[in-house]
Amino acid sequence: MFDCQKYKNIKDFIKKTRKSTKIISISKNQSKESVEQAISCGVRIFGENRVQEARKKFADIKTVGEIQLHLTGPLQTNKTKEALEIFDVFHTLDREKLLRKFLEHKNLIKNKHFFIQVNTGKEESKSGIYPEDVENFLKLCYDLGLNNILGLMCIPPIHEDSKKHFMLLQQINKNLGLSSLSIGMSGDYKLALEFNPAYIRLGTIIFGKRNES
């Protein structure tokens, strides 16, 4: 179940660091009851990884309150339209095929926001644009008409120092004139806060162990 006190403690910690960072409460594989408990604790930003699970949990909740839903996992192109109907912010724009699929729904993307996922560790097991290709990919986004890019997102390799990946992402972001970063998870969010990200993505630290299903 959702740990309301832990969530409030982290929010207080962010406030003390004088950052404007917002918490995305990662509710994937958590019950709808846990989500409702989180809402009662003041949570308004949630992250999900799968379209069908998100729709099942949030379809009616989003119509009631001011809930913002972020897609923080990979998106299959055949789920693009369905995802655009429920998610507000997309953190995993990671390939040209997905970009072009988004642009088939121009009426739906105009009020959405996007982060480009960067594969800073060049891991074959992860999706994302390689660091040296981000500039060209961003230009392609702009050329094709996707202009509402907030910034960059990365998930550092699990056995490497997150800081060097956050530094790399921050530098690319700055060079490209982008304003926001989506970095930091339960294990490294304090380190991420040093880079003043727009969002940190917290799951197990506030929701507890996931119901893997």
N, C-alpha and C. Protein backbone atom coordinates (compact mmCIF):
# COMPACT_ATOMS: atom_id res chain seq x y z
N MET A 1 0.84 -1.20 0.00
CA MET A 1 0.00 0.00 0.00
C MET A 1 0.87 1.26 0.00
N PHE A 2 0.28 2.33 -0.38
CA PHE A 2 1.00 3.59 -0.51
C PHE A 2 1.46 4.12 0.85
N ASP A 3 2.72 4.56 0.91
CA ASP A 3 3.30 5.09 2.15
C ASP A 3 3.19 6.62 2.12
N CYS A 4 2.11 7.10 2.72
CA CYS A 4 1.82 8.54 2.68
C CYS A 4 2.92 9.35 3.37
N GLN A 5 3.41 8.87 4.49
CA GLN A 5 4.42 9.61 5.23
C GLN A 5 5.73 9.69 4.46
N LYS A 6 6.11 8.60 3.81
CA LYS A 6 7.33 8.59 3.01
C LYS A 6 7.22 9.59 1.86
N TYR A 7 6.08 9.61 1.22
CA TYR A 7 5.84 10.55 0.12
C TYR A 7 5.98 11.99 0.61
N LYS A 8 5.38 12.29 1.74
CA LYS A 8 5.44 13.65 2.29
C LYS A 8 6.87 14.00 2.71
N ASN A 9 7.60 13.03 3.25
CA ASN A 9 9.00 13.27 3.64
C ASN A 9 9.85 13.63 2.43
N ILE A 10 9.63 12.92 1.32
CA ILE A 10 10.41 13.20 0.10
C ILE A 10 10.03 14.57 -0.46
N LYS A 11 8.75 14.89 -0.43
CA LYS A 11 8.31 16.22 -0.89
C LYS A 11 8.95 17.32 -0.04
N ASP A 12 9.01 17.09 1.26
CA ASP A 12 9.65 18.07 2.16
C ASP A 12 11.13 18.20 1.86
N PHE A 13 11.77 17.06 1.57
CA PHE A 13 13.20 17.07 1.24
C PHE A 13 13.44 17.89 -0.03
N ILE A 14 12.59 17.71 -1.03
CA ILE A 14 12.71 18.47 -2.28
C ILE A 14 12.54 19.96 -1.99
N LYS A 15 11.58 20.28 -1.16
CA LYS A 15 11.32 21.68 -0.81
C LYS A 15 12.53 22.31 -0.13
N LYS A 16 13.18 21.54 0.75
CA LYS A 16 14.36 22.05 1.46
C LYS A 16 15.52 22.30 0.51
N THR A 17 15.59 21.52 -0.57
CA THR A 17 16.67 21.71 -1.54
C THR A 17 16.36 22.85 -2.51
N ARG A 18 15.17 23.46 -2.33
CA ARG A 18 14.74 24.60 -3.15
C ARG A 18 14.67 24.23 -4.63
N LYS A 19 14.28 23.00 -4.90
CA LYS A 19 14.09 22.56 -6.27
C LYS A 19 12.60 22.62 -6.62
N SER A 20 12.35 22.70 -7.91
CA SER A 20 10.95 22.71 -8.38
C SER A 20 10.53 21.34 -8.89
N THR A 21 11.34 20.34 -8.60
CA THR A 21 11.10 18.99 -9.10
C THR A 21 9.77 18.42 -8.63
N LYS A 22 9.08 17.75 -9.54
CA LYS A 22 7.82 17.08 -9.22
C LYS A 22 8.03 15.57 -9.18
N ILE A 23 7.27 14.92 -8.31
CA ILE A 23 7.35 13.47 -8.16
C ILE A 23 6.31 12.81 -9.06
N ILE A 24 6.77 11.87 -9.89
CA ILE A 24 5.84 10.98 -10.58
C ILE A 24 5.75 9.71 -9.74
N SER A 25 4.58 9.43 -9.21
CA SER A 25 4.38 8.22 -8.40
C SER A 25 4.10 7.06 -9.35
N ILE A 26 5.07 6.15 -9.44
CA ILE A 26 4.98 5.06 -10.40
C ILE A 26 4.07 3.96 -9.85
N SER A 27 2.90 3.87 -10.44
CA SER A 27 1.87 2.97 -9.91
C SER A 27 1.70 1.70 -10.72
N LYS A 28 2.64 1.42 -11.63
CA LYS A 28 2.52 0.20 -12.43
C LYS A 28 2.53 -1.02 -11.50
N ASN A 29 1.69 -1.98 -11.85
CA ASN A 29 1.54 -3.22 -11.06
C ASN A 29 1.06 -2.99 -9.64
N GLN A 30 0.53 -1.82 -9.37
CA GLN A 30 -0.09 -1.54 -8.08
C GLN A 30 -1.61 -1.57 -8.26
N SER A 31 -2.31 -1.82 -7.18
CA SER A 31 -3.76 -1.93 -7.25
C SER A 31 -4.42 -0.56 -7.38
N LYS A 32 -5.64 -0.57 -7.84
CA LYS A 32 -6.40 0.66 -7.93
C LYS A 32 -6.64 1.24 -6.54
N GLU A 33 -6.76 0.36 -5.55
CA GLU A 33 -6.94 0.81 -4.16
C GLU A 33 -5.72 1.60 -3.69
N SER A 34 -4.52 1.13 -4.07
CA SER A 34 -3.30 1.85 -3.71
C SER A 34 -3.25 3.22 -4.37
N VAL A 35 -3.70 3.28 -5.61
CA VAL A 35 -3.76 4.55 -6.33
C VAL A 35 -4.72 5.51 -5.62
N GLU A 36 -5.87 5.01 -5.24
CA GLU A 36 -6.86 5.85 -4.55
C GLU A 36 -6.33 6.34 -3.21
N GLN A 37 -5.57 5.47 -2.53
CA GLN A 37 -4.95 5.87 -1.26
C GLN A 37 -3.94 6.98 -1.52
N ALA A 38 -3.15 6.85 -2.58
CA ALA A 38 -2.16 7.87 -2.93
C ALA A 38 -2.85 9.20 -3.22
N ILE A 39 -3.96 9.15 -3.93
CA ILE A 39 -4.70 10.38 -4.23
C ILE A 39 -5.17 11.05 -2.94
N SER A 40 -5.61 10.23 -1.99
CA SER A 40 -6.06 10.79 -0.71
C SER A 40 -4.92 11.43 0.06
N CYS A 41 -3.67 11.06 -0.28
CA CYS A 41 -2.49 11.66 0.35
C CYS A 41 -1.97 12.87 -0.43
N GLY A 42 -2.68 13.24 -1.46
CA GLY A 42 -2.31 14.43 -2.21
C GLY A 42 -1.58 14.20 -3.51
N VAL A 43 -1.37 12.95 -3.90
CA VAL A 43 -0.68 12.66 -5.15
C VAL A 43 -1.59 13.01 -6.33
N ARG A 44 -1.01 13.70 -7.31
CA ARG A 44 -1.77 14.06 -8.50
C ARG A 44 -1.06 13.66 -9.79
N ILE A 45 0.18 13.19 -9.68
CA ILE A 45 0.94 12.78 -10.87
C ILE A 45 1.32 11.31 -10.73
N PHE A 46 0.88 10.50 -11.68
CA PHE A 46 1.16 9.07 -11.65
C PHE A 46 1.87 8.64 -12.93
N GLY A 47 2.64 7.57 -12.81
CA GLY A 47 3.32 7.00 -13.95
C GLY A 47 2.93 5.55 -14.14
N GLU A 48 2.65 5.18 -15.38
CA GLU A 48 2.32 3.80 -15.73
C GLU A 48 3.15 3.38 -16.92
N ASN A 49 3.33 2.06 -17.07
CA ASN A 49 4.15 1.53 -18.16
C ASN A 49 3.36 0.87 -19.27
N ARG A 50 2.10 0.50 -18.97
CA ARG A 50 1.31 -0.22 -19.96
C ARG A 50 -0.04 0.47 -20.16
N VAL A 51 -0.41 0.58 -21.41
CA VAL A 51 -1.62 1.33 -21.76
C VAL A 51 -2.87 0.68 -21.18
N GLN A 52 -2.99 -0.61 -21.34
CA GLN A 52 -4.21 -1.29 -20.89
C GLN A 52 -4.37 -1.21 -19.37
N GLU A 53 -3.26 -1.40 -18.65
CA GLU A 53 -3.31 -1.31 -17.19
C GLU A 53 -3.68 0.10 -16.75
N ALA A 54 -3.10 1.09 -17.42
CA ALA A 54 -3.40 2.48 -17.07
C ALA A 54 -4.86 2.80 -17.31
N ARG A 55 -5.39 2.36 -18.44
CA ARG A 55 -6.79 2.64 -18.74
C ARG A 55 -7.71 1.98 -17.71
N LYS A 56 -7.38 0.76 -17.35
CA LYS A 56 -8.20 0.01 -16.39
C LYS A 56 -8.25 0.74 -15.04
N LYS A 57 -7.11 1.30 -14.61
CA LYS A 57 -7.03 1.94 -13.29
C LYS A 57 -7.50 3.39 -13.29
N PHE A 58 -7.24 4.10 -14.39
CA PHE A 58 -7.39 5.56 -14.35
C PHE A 58 -8.53 6.12 -15.20
N ALA A 59 -9.18 5.31 -16.01
CA ALA A 59 -10.20 5.83 -16.91
C ALA A 59 -11.27 6.64 -16.17
N ASP A 60 -11.77 6.10 -15.07
CA ASP A 60 -12.80 6.83 -14.33
C ASP A 60 -12.20 7.83 -13.35
N ILE A 61 -11.01 7.53 -12.80
CA ILE A 61 -10.36 8.43 -11.84
C ILE A 61 -10.01 9.77 -12.50
N LYS A 62 -9.53 9.72 -13.74
CA LYS A 62 -9.10 10.94 -14.42
C LYS A 62 -10.27 11.88 -14.71
N THR A 63 -11.45 11.33 -14.84
CA THR A 63 -12.61 12.18 -15.11
C THR A 63 -13.10 12.89 -13.86
N VAL A 64 -12.64 12.42 -12.70
CA VAL A 64 -13.13 12.97 -11.43
C VAL A 64 -12.23 14.08 -10.90
N GLY A 65 -10.92 13.84 -10.90
CA GLY A 65 -9.99 14.80 -10.30
C GLY A 65 -8.97 15.31 -11.29
N GLU A 66 -8.11 16.20 -10.82
CA GLU A 66 -7.06 16.77 -11.67
C GLU A 66 -5.83 15.87 -11.63
N ILE A 67 -5.97 14.70 -12.22
CA ILE A 67 -4.89 13.72 -12.24
C ILE A 67 -4.12 13.83 -13.54
N GLN A 68 -2.78 13.83 -13.44
CA GLN A 68 -1.93 13.85 -14.62
C GLN A 68 -1.26 12.48 -14.73
N LEU A 69 -1.36 11.89 -15.90
CA LEU A 69 -0.84 10.53 -16.10
C LEU A 69 0.31 10.55 -17.09
N HIS A 70 1.44 9.96 -16.67
CA HIS A 70 2.66 9.94 -17.48
C HIS A 70 2.95 8.51 -17.93
N LEU A 71 3.30 8.36 -19.19
CA LEU A 71 3.76 7.05 -19.68
C LEU A 71 5.27 6.99 -19.49
N THR A 72 5.70 6.07 -18.65
CA THR A 72 7.13 5.98 -18.31
C THR A 72 7.77 4.69 -18.80
N GLY A 73 7.03 3.91 -19.58
CA GLY A 73 7.56 2.69 -20.14
C GLY A 73 7.49 2.71 -21.66
N PRO A 74 8.07 1.70 -22.31
CA PRO A 74 8.09 1.66 -23.77
C PRO A 74 6.68 1.56 -24.35
N LEU A 75 6.50 2.16 -25.51
CA LEU A 75 5.19 2.16 -26.15
C LEU A 75 5.25 1.46 -27.50
N GLN A 76 4.38 0.47 -27.67
CA GLN A 76 4.25 -0.20 -28.97
C GLN A 76 3.48 0.73 -29.90
N THR A 77 3.89 0.77 -31.16
CA THR A 77 3.28 1.71 -32.08
C THR A 77 1.79 1.43 -32.29
N ASN A 78 1.36 0.18 -32.17
CA ASN A 78 -0.06 -0.12 -32.37
C ASN A 78 -0.92 0.33 -31.19
N LYS A 79 -0.28 0.83 -30.13
CA LYS A 79 -1.01 1.33 -28.97
C LYS A 79 -0.99 2.86 -28.88
N THR A 80 -0.44 3.50 -29.91
CA THR A 80 -0.20 4.95 -29.85
C THR A 80 -1.48 5.75 -29.64
N LYS A 81 -2.49 5.50 -30.46
CA LYS A 81 -3.73 6.27 -30.35
C LYS A 81 -4.39 6.07 -28.99
N GLU A 82 -4.42 4.83 -28.53
CA GLU A 82 -5.03 4.53 -27.23
C GLU A 82 -4.25 5.23 -26.11
N ALA A 83 -2.91 5.25 -26.24
CA ALA A 83 -2.08 5.92 -25.23
C ALA A 83 -2.34 7.42 -25.21
N LEU A 84 -2.48 8.02 -26.38
CA LEU A 84 -2.72 9.45 -26.47
C LEU A 84 -4.06 9.85 -25.86
N GLU A 85 -4.99 8.92 -25.81
CA GLU A 85 -6.30 9.21 -25.26
C GLU A 85 -6.31 9.28 -23.74
N ILE A 86 -5.29 8.69 -23.08
CA ILE A 86 -5.31 8.69 -21.61
C ILE A 86 -4.08 9.34 -20.97
N PHE A 87 -2.92 9.29 -21.63
CA PHE A 87 -1.71 9.86 -21.04
C PHE A 87 -1.54 11.33 -21.41
N ASP A 88 -0.92 12.07 -20.49
CA ASP A 88 -0.67 13.51 -20.69
C ASP A 88 0.76 13.80 -21.10
N VAL A 89 1.71 13.04 -20.54
CA VAL A 89 3.14 13.26 -20.81
C VAL A 89 3.77 11.90 -21.14
N PHE A 90 4.62 11.91 -22.16
CA PHE A 90 5.29 10.69 -22.62
C PHE A 90 6.79 10.83 -22.40
N HIS A 91 7.35 9.91 -21.64
CA HIS A 91 8.78 9.99 -21.28
C HIS A 91 9.66 9.11 -22.15
N THR A 92 9.08 8.36 -23.06
CA THR A 92 9.87 7.35 -23.77
C THR A 92 9.72 7.44 -25.29
N LEU A 93 9.84 8.65 -25.81
CA LEU A 93 9.93 8.82 -27.26
C LEU A 93 11.33 8.37 -27.66
N ASP A 94 11.42 7.20 -28.27
CA ASP A 94 12.73 6.55 -28.38
C ASP A 94 13.13 6.10 -29.78
N ARG A 95 12.29 6.42 -30.80
CA ARG A 95 12.64 5.96 -32.15
C ARG A 95 11.78 6.70 -33.18
N GLU A 96 12.30 6.71 -34.40
CA GLU A 96 11.62 7.44 -35.48
C GLU A 96 10.26 6.84 -35.80
N LYS A 97 10.13 5.53 -35.77
CA LYS A 97 8.86 4.88 -36.09
C LYS A 97 7.75 5.35 -35.14
N LEU A 98 8.08 5.48 -33.86
CA LEU A 98 7.10 5.95 -32.87
C LEU A 98 6.77 7.42 -33.10
N LEU A 99 7.79 8.21 -33.41
CA LEU A 99 7.59 9.63 -33.71
C LEU A 99 6.58 9.80 -34.84
N ARG A 100 6.77 9.07 -35.91
CA ARG A 100 5.88 9.18 -37.06
C ARG A 100 4.47 8.70 -36.73
N LYS A 101 4.38 7.71 -35.85
CA LYS A 101 3.07 7.21 -35.44
C LYS A 101 2.32 8.28 -34.62
N PHE A 102 3.04 8.94 -33.72
CA PHE A 102 2.44 10.05 -32.97
C PHE A 102 1.86 11.10 -33.92
N LEU A 103 2.62 11.40 -34.97
CA LEU A 103 2.23 12.48 -35.88
C LEU A 103 1.04 12.12 -36.77
N GLU A 104 0.61 10.88 -36.73
CA GLU A 104 -0.62 10.49 -37.42
C GLU A 104 -1.86 10.99 -36.67
N HIS A 105 -1.64 11.45 -35.43
CA HIS A 105 -2.75 11.87 -34.58
C HIS A 105 -2.53 13.31 -34.10
N LYS A 106 -2.38 14.21 -35.03
CA LYS A 106 -2.03 15.59 -34.70
C LYS A 106 -3.06 16.28 -33.81
N ASN A 107 -4.31 15.87 -33.94
CA ASN A 107 -5.33 16.47 -33.09
C ASN A 107 -5.19 16.03 -31.64
N LEU A 108 -4.57 14.87 -31.42
CA LEU A 108 -4.40 14.35 -30.06
C LEU A 108 -3.09 14.79 -29.42
N ILE A 109 -2.06 15.05 -30.22
CA ILE A 109 -0.75 15.36 -29.63
C ILE A 109 -0.59 16.85 -29.28
N LYS A 110 -1.48 17.70 -29.76
CA LYS A 110 -1.25 19.14 -29.59
C LYS A 110 -1.21 19.58 -28.13
N ASN A 111 -1.89 18.86 -27.25
CA ASN A 111 -1.87 19.23 -25.83
C ASN A 111 -1.05 18.27 -24.98
N LYS A 112 -0.25 17.44 -25.62
CA LYS A 112 0.61 16.48 -24.91
C LYS A 112 2.03 17.03 -24.85
N HIS A 113 2.84 16.42 -23.97
CA HIS A 113 4.26 16.78 -23.87
C HIS A 113 5.11 15.53 -23.91
N PHE A 114 6.35 15.70 -24.38
CA PHE A 114 7.19 14.55 -24.65
C PHE A 114 8.62 14.75 -24.13
N PHE A 115 9.20 13.65 -23.67
CA PHE A 115 10.63 13.56 -23.39
C PHE A 115 11.24 12.56 -24.36
N ILE A 116 12.41 12.88 -24.88
CA ILE A 116 13.15 11.93 -25.70
C ILE A 116 13.96 11.04 -24.77
N GLN A 117 13.80 9.74 -24.92
CA GLN A 117 14.58 8.80 -24.10
C GLN A 117 15.95 8.60 -24.73
N VAL A 118 16.98 8.84 -23.91
CA VAL A 118 18.36 8.71 -24.38
C VAL A 118 19.00 7.49 -23.74
N ASN A 119 19.57 6.64 -24.54
CA ASN A 119 20.26 5.45 -24.06
C ASN A 119 21.71 5.83 -23.75
N THR A 120 21.91 6.47 -22.60
CA THR A 120 23.23 7.02 -22.26
C THR A 120 24.29 5.94 -22.10
N GLY A 121 23.87 4.74 -21.72
CA GLY A 121 24.82 3.64 -21.54
C GLY A 121 25.00 2.79 -22.78
N LYS A 122 24.30 3.14 -23.86
CA LYS A 122 24.33 2.39 -25.11
C LYS A 122 24.12 0.89 -24.87
N GLU A 123 23.14 0.60 -24.02
CA GLU A 123 22.83 -0.79 -23.69
C GLU A 123 21.91 -1.40 -24.75
N GLU A 124 22.30 -2.56 -25.24
CA GLU A 124 21.51 -3.22 -26.27
C GLU A 124 20.14 -3.65 -25.74
N SER A 125 20.06 -3.88 -24.43
CA SER A 125 18.80 -4.34 -23.83
C SER A 125 17.81 -3.20 -23.59
N LYS A 126 18.26 -1.96 -23.79
CA LYS A 126 17.39 -0.80 -23.55
C LYS A 126 17.13 -0.04 -24.84
N SER A 127 15.95 0.55 -24.89
CA SER A 127 15.64 1.40 -26.03
C SER A 127 16.16 2.81 -25.76
N GLY A 128 16.05 3.65 -26.75
CA GLY A 128 16.50 5.03 -26.58
C GLY A 128 17.46 5.47 -27.66
N ILE A 129 17.53 6.77 -27.85
CA ILE A 129 18.42 7.36 -28.84
C ILE A 129 19.83 7.44 -28.25
N TYR A 130 20.83 7.07 -29.02
CA TYR A 130 22.21 7.19 -28.52
C TYR A 130 22.57 8.68 -28.40
N PRO A 131 23.44 9.00 -27.44
CA PRO A 131 23.76 10.41 -27.18
C PRO A 131 24.17 11.20 -28.42
N GLU A 132 24.98 10.59 -29.28
CA GLU A 132 25.47 11.32 -30.45
C GLU A 132 24.40 11.53 -31.52
N ASP A 133 23.25 10.86 -31.36
CA ASP A 133 22.18 10.96 -32.35
C ASP A 133 21.01 11.84 -31.89
N VAL A 134 21.09 12.34 -30.67
CA VAL A 134 19.95 13.08 -30.12
C VAL A 134 19.68 14.37 -30.90
N GLU A 135 20.73 15.08 -31.26
CA GLU A 135 20.54 16.35 -31.98
C GLU A 135 19.78 16.14 -33.28
N ASN A 136 20.18 15.13 -34.05
CA ASN A 136 19.50 14.86 -35.32
C ASN A 136 18.07 14.39 -35.10
N PHE A 137 17.85 13.61 -34.03
CA PHE A 137 16.49 13.13 -33.76
C PHE A 137 15.58 14.29 -33.35
N LEU A 138 16.11 15.18 -32.54
CA LEU A 138 15.33 16.36 -32.13
C LEU A 138 14.99 17.21 -33.35
N LYS A 139 15.95 17.38 -34.24
CA LYS A 139 15.70 18.15 -35.47
C LYS A 139 14.60 17.49 -36.30
N LEU A 140 14.63 16.16 -36.36
CA LEU A 140 13.60 15.44 -37.09
C LEU A 140 12.22 15.66 -36.46
N CYS A 141 12.17 15.65 -35.13
CA CYS A 141 10.91 15.93 -34.43
C CYS A 141 10.36 17.28 -34.85
N TYR A 142 11.23 18.28 -34.82
CA TYR A 142 10.81 19.65 -35.17
C TYR A 142 10.42 19.74 -36.65
N ASP A 143 11.21 19.12 -37.51
CA ASP A 143 10.94 19.18 -38.95
C ASP A 143 9.61 18.55 -39.31
N LEU A 144 9.25 17.47 -38.58
CA LEU A 144 8.01 16.76 -38.88
C LEU A 144 6.80 17.38 -38.17
N GLY A 145 7.07 18.28 -37.21
CA GLY A 145 5.97 18.99 -36.57
C GLY A 145 5.67 18.62 -35.14
N LEU A 146 6.54 17.86 -34.51
CA LEU A 146 6.36 17.59 -33.08
C LEU A 146 7.25 18.57 -32.31
N ASN A 147 6.64 19.63 -31.83
CA ASN A 147 7.41 20.72 -31.21
C ASN A 147 7.37 20.73 -29.69
N ASN A 148 6.42 20.01 -29.11
CA ASN A 148 6.26 20.08 -27.66
C ASN A 148 7.13 19.06 -26.93
N ILE A 149 8.44 19.15 -27.17
CA ILE A 149 9.44 18.32 -26.49
C ILE A 149 9.91 19.09 -25.26
N LEU A 150 9.71 18.53 -24.08
CA LEU A 150 10.15 19.19 -22.85
C LEU A 150 11.64 19.03 -22.61
N GLY A 151 12.18 17.85 -22.93
CA GLY A 151 13.58 17.60 -22.64
C GLY A 151 13.93 16.15 -22.83
N LEU A 152 14.88 15.69 -22.02
CA LEU A 152 15.43 14.34 -22.19
C LEU A 152 15.22 13.49 -20.95
N MET A 153 15.15 12.19 -21.16
CA MET A 153 15.00 11.21 -20.09
C MET A 153 16.04 10.12 -20.25
N CYS A 154 16.54 9.57 -19.14
CA CYS A 154 17.40 8.39 -19.23
C CYS A 154 17.21 7.49 -18.03
N ILE A 155 17.59 6.23 -18.21
CA ILE A 155 17.65 5.25 -17.13
C ILE A 155 19.08 4.72 -17.13
N PRO A 156 19.92 5.16 -16.18
CA PRO A 156 21.32 4.74 -16.18
C PRO A 156 21.47 3.23 -16.04
N PRO A 157 22.54 2.66 -16.57
CA PRO A 157 22.82 1.24 -16.37
C PRO A 157 22.85 0.91 -14.88
N ILE A 158 22.30 -0.22 -14.51
CA ILE A 158 22.07 -0.54 -13.10
C ILE A 158 23.36 -0.65 -12.30
N HIS A 159 24.46 -1.06 -12.92
CA HIS A 159 25.71 -1.26 -12.19
C HIS A 159 26.72 -0.13 -12.40
N GLU A 160 26.25 0.99 -12.90
CA GLU A 160 27.14 2.13 -13.11
C GLU A 160 26.71 3.31 -12.25
N ASP A 161 27.63 4.22 -12.04
CA ASP A 161 27.35 5.44 -11.28
C ASP A 161 26.35 6.30 -12.06
N SER A 162 25.20 6.53 -11.46
CA SER A 162 24.16 7.31 -12.14
C SER A 162 24.63 8.72 -12.47
N LYS A 163 25.51 9.26 -11.63
CA LYS A 163 25.87 10.67 -11.77
C LYS A 163 26.46 11.00 -13.14
N LYS A 164 27.32 10.14 -13.66
CA LYS A 164 27.95 10.45 -14.94
C LYS A 164 26.91 10.44 -16.07
N HIS A 165 25.88 9.63 -15.93
CA HIS A 165 24.82 9.59 -16.94
C HIS A 165 23.92 10.82 -16.82
N PHE A 166 23.66 11.25 -15.60
CA PHE A 166 22.88 12.47 -15.40
C PHE A 166 23.64 13.68 -15.93
N MET A 167 24.95 13.70 -15.70
CA MET A 167 25.78 14.81 -16.19
C MET A 167 25.77 14.86 -17.71
N LEU A 168 25.89 13.69 -18.34
CA LEU A 168 25.87 13.62 -19.80
C LEU A 168 24.54 14.12 -20.34
N LEU A 169 23.45 13.66 -19.73
CA LEU A 169 22.12 14.05 -20.19
C LEU A 169 21.91 15.56 -20.02
N GLN A 170 22.36 16.08 -18.88
CA GLN A 170 22.22 17.51 -18.63
C GLN A 170 22.98 18.33 -19.68
N GLN A 171 24.16 17.87 -20.05
CA GLN A 171 24.98 18.59 -21.03
C GLN A 171 24.31 18.59 -22.41
N ILE A 172 23.79 17.42 -22.80
CA ILE A 172 23.10 17.33 -24.09
C ILE A 172 21.87 18.24 -24.08
N ASN A 173 21.13 18.19 -22.99
CA ASN A 173 19.93 19.01 -22.84
C ASN A 173 20.26 20.49 -23.01
N LYS A 174 21.33 20.91 -22.35
CA LYS A 174 21.76 22.31 -22.40
C LYS A 174 22.19 22.69 -23.81
N ASN A 175 22.97 21.81 -24.44
CA ASN A 175 23.46 22.09 -25.79
C ASN A 175 22.32 22.25 -26.80
N LEU A 176 21.23 21.54 -26.55
CA LEU A 176 20.10 21.57 -27.48
C LEU A 176 19.07 22.64 -27.12
N GLY A 177 19.30 23.33 -26.01
CA GLY A 177 18.39 24.38 -25.61
C GLY A 177 17.08 23.89 -25.04
N LEU A 178 17.09 22.66 -24.53
CA LEU A 178 15.90 22.10 -23.91
C LEU A 178 15.88 22.44 -22.42
N SER A 179 14.70 22.43 -21.83
CA SER A 179 14.58 22.98 -20.48
C SER A 179 14.46 21.96 -19.36
N SER A 180 14.08 20.71 -19.68
CA SER A 180 13.70 19.80 -18.60
C SER A 180 14.40 18.45 -18.70
N LEU A 181 14.59 17.85 -17.52
CA LEU A 181 15.13 16.49 -17.43
C LEU A 181 14.15 15.60 -16.67
N SER A 182 14.06 14.35 -17.09
CA SER A 182 13.32 13.33 -16.36
C SER A 182 14.33 12.27 -15.94
N ILE A 183 14.80 12.38 -14.70
CA ILE A 183 15.84 11.47 -14.20
C ILE A 183 15.59 11.16 -12.72
N GLY A 184 16.14 10.05 -12.30
CA GLY A 184 16.07 9.70 -10.88
C GLY A 184 14.91 8.77 -10.57
N MET A 185 15.25 7.68 -9.88
CA MET A 185 14.25 6.72 -9.44
C MET A 185 14.46 6.46 -7.95
N SER A 186 13.80 5.45 -7.42
CA SER A 186 13.83 5.23 -5.97
C SER A 186 15.24 5.14 -5.41
N GLY A 187 16.16 4.53 -6.17
CA GLY A 187 17.50 4.32 -5.64
C GLY A 187 18.47 5.47 -5.81
N ASP A 188 18.15 6.43 -6.70
CA ASP A 188 19.13 7.50 -6.97
C ASP A 188 18.48 8.88 -7.08
N TYR A 189 17.28 9.04 -6.53
CA TYR A 189 16.58 10.31 -6.71
C TYR A 189 17.30 11.48 -6.02
N LYS A 190 17.97 11.21 -4.87
CA LYS A 190 18.68 12.30 -4.19
C LYS A 190 19.83 12.81 -5.05
N LEU A 191 20.50 11.90 -5.72
CA LEU A 191 21.57 12.29 -6.64
C LEU A 191 21.00 13.06 -7.82
N ALA A 192 19.86 12.59 -8.32
CA ALA A 192 19.23 13.25 -9.45
C ALA A 192 18.84 14.69 -9.12
N LEU A 193 18.43 14.92 -7.88
CA LEU A 193 17.99 16.26 -7.49
C LEU A 193 19.10 17.31 -7.62
N GLU A 194 20.35 16.87 -7.60
CA GLU A 194 21.46 17.80 -7.79
C GLU A 194 21.41 18.47 -9.17
N PHE A 195 20.69 17.83 -10.10
CA PHE A 195 20.61 18.34 -11.47
C PHE A 195 19.29 19.06 -11.74
N ASN A 196 18.53 19.31 -10.68
CA ASN A 196 17.27 20.05 -10.76
C ASN A 196 16.36 19.54 -11.88
N PRO A 197 16.01 18.26 -11.85
CA PRO A 197 15.15 17.72 -12.91
C PRO A 197 13.72 18.23 -12.78
N ALA A 198 13.00 18.19 -13.87
CA ALA A 198 11.58 18.53 -13.83
C ALA A 198 10.80 17.45 -13.08
N TYR A 199 11.22 16.17 -13.31
CA TYR A 199 10.53 15.05 -12.69
C TYR A 199 11.52 14.01 -12.19
N ILE A 200 11.15 13.40 -11.05
CA ILE A 200 11.78 12.15 -10.62
C ILE A 200 10.68 11.10 -10.60
N ARG A 201 11.06 9.84 -10.82
CA ARG A 201 10.09 8.77 -10.97
C ARG A 201 10.25 7.78 -9.82
N LEU A 202 9.31 7.81 -8.88
CA LEU A 202 9.43 7.00 -7.66
C LEU A 202 8.35 5.93 -7.59
N GLY A 203 8.80 4.69 -7.41
CA GLY A 203 7.86 3.58 -7.33
C GLY A 203 7.90 2.86 -6.00
N THR A 204 8.81 1.90 -5.88
CA THR A 204 8.83 1.03 -4.70
C THR A 204 9.06 1.80 -3.40
N ILE A 205 9.77 2.90 -3.45
CA ILE A 205 10.07 3.64 -2.22
C ILE A 205 8.81 4.22 -1.59
N ILE A 206 7.77 4.46 -2.40
CA ILE A 206 6.53 4.99 -1.83
C ILE A 206 5.36 4.01 -1.92
N PHE A 207 5.41 3.10 -2.88
CA PHE A 207 4.32 2.13 -3.01
C PHE A 207 4.63 0.78 -2.38
N GLY A 208 5.92 0.54 -2.09
CA GLY A 208 6.29 -0.79 -1.62
C GLY A 208 6.48 -1.74 -2.78
N LYS A 209 6.66 -3.01 -2.46
CA LYS A 209 6.93 -4.02 -3.48
C LYS A 209 5.78 -4.13 -4.46
N ARG A 210 6.15 -4.24 -5.75
CA ARG A 210 5.12 -4.35 -6.78
C ARG A 210 4.48 -5.73 -6.81
N ASN A 211 3.27 -5.77 -7.30
CA ASN A 211 2.55 -7.01 -7.57
C ASN A 211 2.90 -7.42 -8.97
N GLU A 212 3.95 -8.16 -9.17
CA GLU A 212 4.39 -8.52 -10.53
C GLU A 212 3.40 -9.49 -11.14
N SER A 213 2.77 -9.07 -12.20
CA SER A 213 1.79 -9.93 -12.87
C SER A 213 1.76 -9.65 -14.36
